[in-house]
């Protein structure tokens, strides 16, 4: 996947995650966006080699919540 394709992929993946954060937390869009972009999860997600972009928005949201609560998250096992 080239850089443009990966950027397009992130543009599709990130908004639903942000929507889940705002829907399930008491924060507005701007704060949710800021917090997500500052997270370790987003740093890894933005690296194509991490392959986190394979996961759906709900799984990424769950991983983000784990990071907030515990400071870390586990990679889910593939079925």
N, C-alpha and C. Protein backbone atom coordinates (compact mmCIF):
# COMPACT_ATOMS: atom_id res chain seq x y z
N UNK A 1 0.86 -1.17 0.00
CA UNK A 1 0.00 0.00 0.00
C UNK A 1 0.91 1.23 0.00
N UNK A 2 0.65 2.15 -0.90
CA UNK A 2 1.48 3.36 -0.92
C UNK A 2 0.96 4.39 0.10
N UNK A 3 1.71 5.47 0.25
CA UNK A 3 1.40 6.48 1.27
C UNK A 3 0.02 7.11 1.07
N UNK A 4 -0.36 7.40 -0.17
CA UNK A 4 -1.67 7.99 -0.44
C UNK A 4 -2.80 7.02 -0.10
N UNK A 5 -2.61 5.76 -0.44
CA UNK A 5 -3.63 4.76 -0.13
C UNK A 5 -3.77 4.60 1.38
N UNK A 6 -2.65 4.60 2.08
CA UNK A 6 -2.70 4.46 3.53
C UNK A 6 -3.37 5.67 4.18
N UNK A 7 -3.06 6.86 3.70
CA UNK A 7 -3.71 8.07 4.22
C UNK A 7 -5.22 8.02 4.01
N UNK A 8 -5.63 7.53 2.84
CA UNK A 8 -7.06 7.39 2.55
C UNK A 8 -7.69 6.36 3.49
N UNK A 9 -6.97 5.29 3.77
CA UNK A 9 -7.46 4.27 4.70
C UNK A 9 -7.66 4.86 6.09
N UNK A 10 -6.70 5.65 6.57
CA UNK A 10 -6.84 6.29 7.89
C UNK A 10 -8.04 7.23 7.91
N UNK A 11 -8.25 7.94 6.80
CA UNK A 11 -9.38 8.88 6.73
C UNK A 11 -10.72 8.16 6.81
N UNK A 12 -10.73 6.88 6.49
CA UNK A 12 -11.95 6.09 6.59
C UNK A 12 -12.09 5.47 7.98
N UNK A 13 -10.98 5.06 8.57
CA UNK A 13 -11.00 4.35 9.84
C UNK A 13 -11.20 5.28 11.04
N UNK A 14 -10.54 6.42 11.06
CA UNK A 14 -10.51 7.27 12.24
C UNK A 14 -11.87 7.90 12.60
N UNK A 15 -12.63 8.47 11.66
CA UNK A 15 -13.89 9.12 12.06
C UNK A 15 -14.87 8.24 12.84
N UNK A 16 -15.07 6.97 12.48
CA UNK A 16 -15.96 6.16 13.31
C UNK A 16 -15.43 5.92 14.73
N UNK A 17 -14.12 5.86 14.88
CA UNK A 17 -13.54 5.71 16.21
C UNK A 17 -13.82 6.96 17.03
N UNK A 18 -13.61 8.12 16.43
CA UNK A 18 -13.89 9.40 17.10
C UNK A 18 -15.37 9.47 17.48
N UNK A 19 -16.24 9.02 16.58
CA UNK A 19 -17.68 9.03 16.87
C UNK A 19 -18.00 8.15 18.08
N UNK A 20 -17.37 7.00 18.17
CA UNK A 20 -17.58 6.13 19.33
C UNK A 20 -17.08 6.78 20.62
N UNK A 21 -15.96 7.48 20.53
CA UNK A 21 -15.43 8.17 21.71
C UNK A 21 -16.41 9.23 22.18
N UNK A 22 -16.91 10.07 21.29
CA UNK A 22 -17.83 11.14 21.68
C UNK A 22 -19.17 10.56 22.15
N UNK A 23 -19.61 9.49 21.52
CA UNK A 23 -20.89 8.88 21.89
C UNK A 23 -20.84 8.24 23.27
N UNK A 24 -19.71 7.65 23.62
CA UNK A 24 -19.60 6.89 24.86
C UNK A 24 -18.85 7.61 25.98
N UNK A 25 -18.39 8.80 25.71
CA UNK A 25 -17.67 9.60 26.72
C UNK A 25 -18.34 10.95 26.83
N UNK A 26 -18.03 11.64 27.86
CA UNK A 26 -18.60 12.97 28.05
C UNK A 26 -17.64 14.04 27.52
N UNK A 27 -17.28 13.92 26.23
CA UNK A 27 -16.39 14.89 25.60
C UNK A 27 -16.95 15.29 24.24
N UNK A 28 -16.62 16.50 23.82
CA UNK A 28 -17.06 16.96 22.51
C UNK A 28 -16.10 16.45 21.42
N UNK A 29 -16.48 16.69 20.18
CA UNK A 29 -15.68 16.20 19.05
C UNK A 29 -14.24 16.68 19.10
N UNK A 30 -14.05 17.96 19.37
CA UNK A 30 -12.70 18.53 19.36
C UNK A 30 -11.81 17.86 20.40
N UNK A 31 -12.34 17.65 21.59
CA UNK A 31 -11.56 17.00 22.65
C UNK A 31 -11.30 15.54 22.32
N UNK A 32 -12.29 14.86 21.78
CA UNK A 32 -12.13 13.46 21.40
C UNK A 32 -11.05 13.32 20.33
N UNK A 33 -11.08 14.19 19.34
CA UNK A 33 -10.09 14.16 18.27
C UNK A 33 -8.70 14.41 18.84
N UNK A 34 -8.58 15.42 19.66
CA UNK A 34 -7.29 15.76 20.25
C UNK A 34 -6.73 14.61 21.08
N UNK A 35 -7.56 14.04 21.93
CA UNK A 35 -7.10 12.94 22.78
C UNK A 35 -6.72 11.71 21.97
N UNK A 36 -7.53 11.40 20.97
CA UNK A 36 -7.22 10.22 20.15
C UNK A 36 -5.91 10.41 19.39
N UNK A 37 -5.74 11.58 18.78
CA UNK A 37 -4.51 11.82 18.02
C UNK A 37 -3.27 11.85 18.91
N UNK A 38 -3.42 12.10 20.21
CA UNK A 38 -2.29 12.11 21.13
C UNK A 38 -2.03 10.74 21.76
N UNK A 39 -2.90 9.78 21.47
CA UNK A 39 -2.77 8.47 22.09
C UNK A 39 -1.66 7.63 21.43
N UNK A 40 -1.16 6.70 22.21
CA UNK A 40 -0.18 5.75 21.68
C UNK A 40 -0.83 4.89 20.59
N UNK A 41 -2.12 4.57 20.78
CA UNK A 41 -2.83 3.77 19.79
C UNK A 41 -2.81 4.46 18.43
N UNK A 42 -3.10 5.76 18.40
CA UNK A 42 -3.10 6.46 17.11
C UNK A 42 -1.70 6.48 16.52
N UNK A 43 -0.69 6.65 17.35
CA UNK A 43 0.69 6.66 16.84
C UNK A 43 0.99 5.34 16.14
N UNK A 44 0.55 4.24 16.74
CA UNK A 44 0.77 2.94 16.11
C UNK A 44 -0.13 2.75 14.89
N UNK A 45 -1.38 3.19 15.00
CA UNK A 45 -2.32 3.08 13.88
C UNK A 45 -1.80 3.82 12.66
N UNK A 46 -1.15 4.95 12.87
CA UNK A 46 -0.66 5.76 11.75
C UNK A 46 0.61 5.19 11.13
N UNK A 47 1.12 4.10 11.69
CA UNK A 47 2.26 3.39 11.11
C UNK A 47 1.71 2.15 10.41
N UNK A 48 1.76 2.14 9.11
CA UNK A 48 1.19 1.03 8.33
C UNK A 48 1.73 -0.32 8.78
N UNK A 49 2.98 -0.36 9.18
CA UNK A 49 3.61 -1.63 9.56
C UNK A 49 2.96 -2.27 10.79
N UNK A 50 2.28 -1.47 11.61
CA UNK A 50 1.63 -2.02 12.80
C UNK A 50 0.45 -2.92 12.44
N UNK A 51 -0.11 -2.70 11.27
CA UNK A 51 -1.28 -3.46 10.80
C UNK A 51 -2.52 -3.25 11.66
N UNK A 52 -2.53 -2.24 12.51
CA UNK A 52 -3.73 -1.95 13.30
C UNK A 52 -4.91 -1.55 12.43
N UNK A 53 -4.63 -1.05 11.24
CA UNK A 53 -5.70 -0.62 10.35
C UNK A 53 -6.55 -1.81 9.89
N UNK A 54 -6.13 -3.01 10.17
CA UNK A 54 -6.92 -4.20 9.85
C UNK A 54 -8.14 -4.31 10.77
N UNK A 55 -8.06 -3.73 11.95
CA UNK A 55 -9.14 -3.84 12.92
C UNK A 55 -10.25 -2.83 12.63
N UNK A 56 -11.45 -3.19 13.03
CA UNK A 56 -12.59 -2.31 12.83
C UNK A 56 -12.65 -1.22 13.90
N UNK A 57 -13.54 -0.24 13.70
CA UNK A 57 -13.66 0.88 14.63
C UNK A 57 -13.96 0.45 16.07
N UNK A 58 -14.83 -0.54 16.27
CA UNK A 58 -15.17 -0.96 17.63
C UNK A 58 -13.96 -1.57 18.34
N UNK A 59 -13.19 -2.36 17.64
CA UNK A 59 -11.99 -2.96 18.24
C UNK A 59 -10.98 -1.86 18.56
N UNK A 60 -10.79 -0.91 17.66
CA UNK A 60 -9.86 0.18 17.91
C UNK A 60 -10.33 1.04 19.09
N UNK A 61 -11.64 1.27 19.17
CA UNK A 61 -12.20 2.02 20.30
C UNK A 61 -11.93 1.27 21.62
N UNK A 62 -12.13 -0.03 21.61
CA UNK A 62 -11.88 -0.84 22.81
C UNK A 62 -10.42 -0.76 23.21
N UNK A 63 -9.54 -0.83 22.24
CA UNK A 63 -8.10 -0.72 22.51
C UNK A 63 -7.77 0.66 23.07
N UNK A 64 -8.41 1.70 22.52
CA UNK A 64 -8.21 3.07 23.01
C UNK A 64 -8.67 3.19 24.46
N UNK A 65 -9.83 2.62 24.77
CA UNK A 65 -10.34 2.65 26.14
C UNK A 65 -9.39 1.92 27.09
N UNK A 66 -8.87 0.79 26.65
CA UNK A 66 -7.89 0.07 27.46
C UNK A 66 -6.67 0.93 27.73
N UNK A 67 -6.21 1.64 26.71
CA UNK A 67 -5.06 2.53 26.89
C UNK A 67 -5.37 3.61 27.92
N UNK A 68 -6.56 4.19 27.85
CA UNK A 68 -6.94 5.23 28.81
C UNK A 68 -7.00 4.69 30.24
N UNK A 69 -7.56 3.50 30.40
CA UNK A 69 -7.77 2.94 31.73
C UNK A 69 -6.51 2.33 32.34
N UNK A 70 -5.68 1.71 31.52
CA UNK A 70 -4.55 0.97 32.05
C UNK A 70 -3.19 1.48 31.59
N UNK A 71 -3.20 2.34 30.58
CA UNK A 71 -1.93 2.82 30.03
C UNK A 71 -1.38 1.93 28.93
N UNK A 72 -2.08 0.83 28.64
CA UNK A 72 -1.63 -0.05 27.57
C UNK A 72 -2.84 -0.79 26.99
N UNK A 73 -2.59 -1.57 25.97
CA UNK A 73 -3.63 -2.37 25.34
C UNK A 73 -2.97 -3.60 24.74
N UNK A 74 -3.78 -4.60 24.52
CA UNK A 74 -3.30 -5.83 23.90
C UNK A 74 -3.79 -5.89 22.47
N UNK A 75 -2.99 -6.52 21.63
CA UNK A 75 -3.44 -6.76 20.26
C UNK A 75 -4.39 -7.94 20.30
N UNK A 76 -5.57 -7.80 19.71
CA UNK A 76 -6.52 -8.92 19.70
C UNK A 76 -5.96 -10.07 18.87
N UNK A 77 -6.33 -11.27 19.25
CA UNK A 77 -5.92 -12.43 18.47
C UNK A 77 -6.82 -12.54 17.25
N UNK A 78 -6.21 -12.85 16.12
CA UNK A 78 -6.98 -13.05 14.90
C UNK A 78 -7.67 -14.40 14.96
N UNK A 79 -8.91 -14.45 14.50
CA UNK A 79 -9.65 -15.72 14.51
C UNK A 79 -9.21 -16.59 13.36
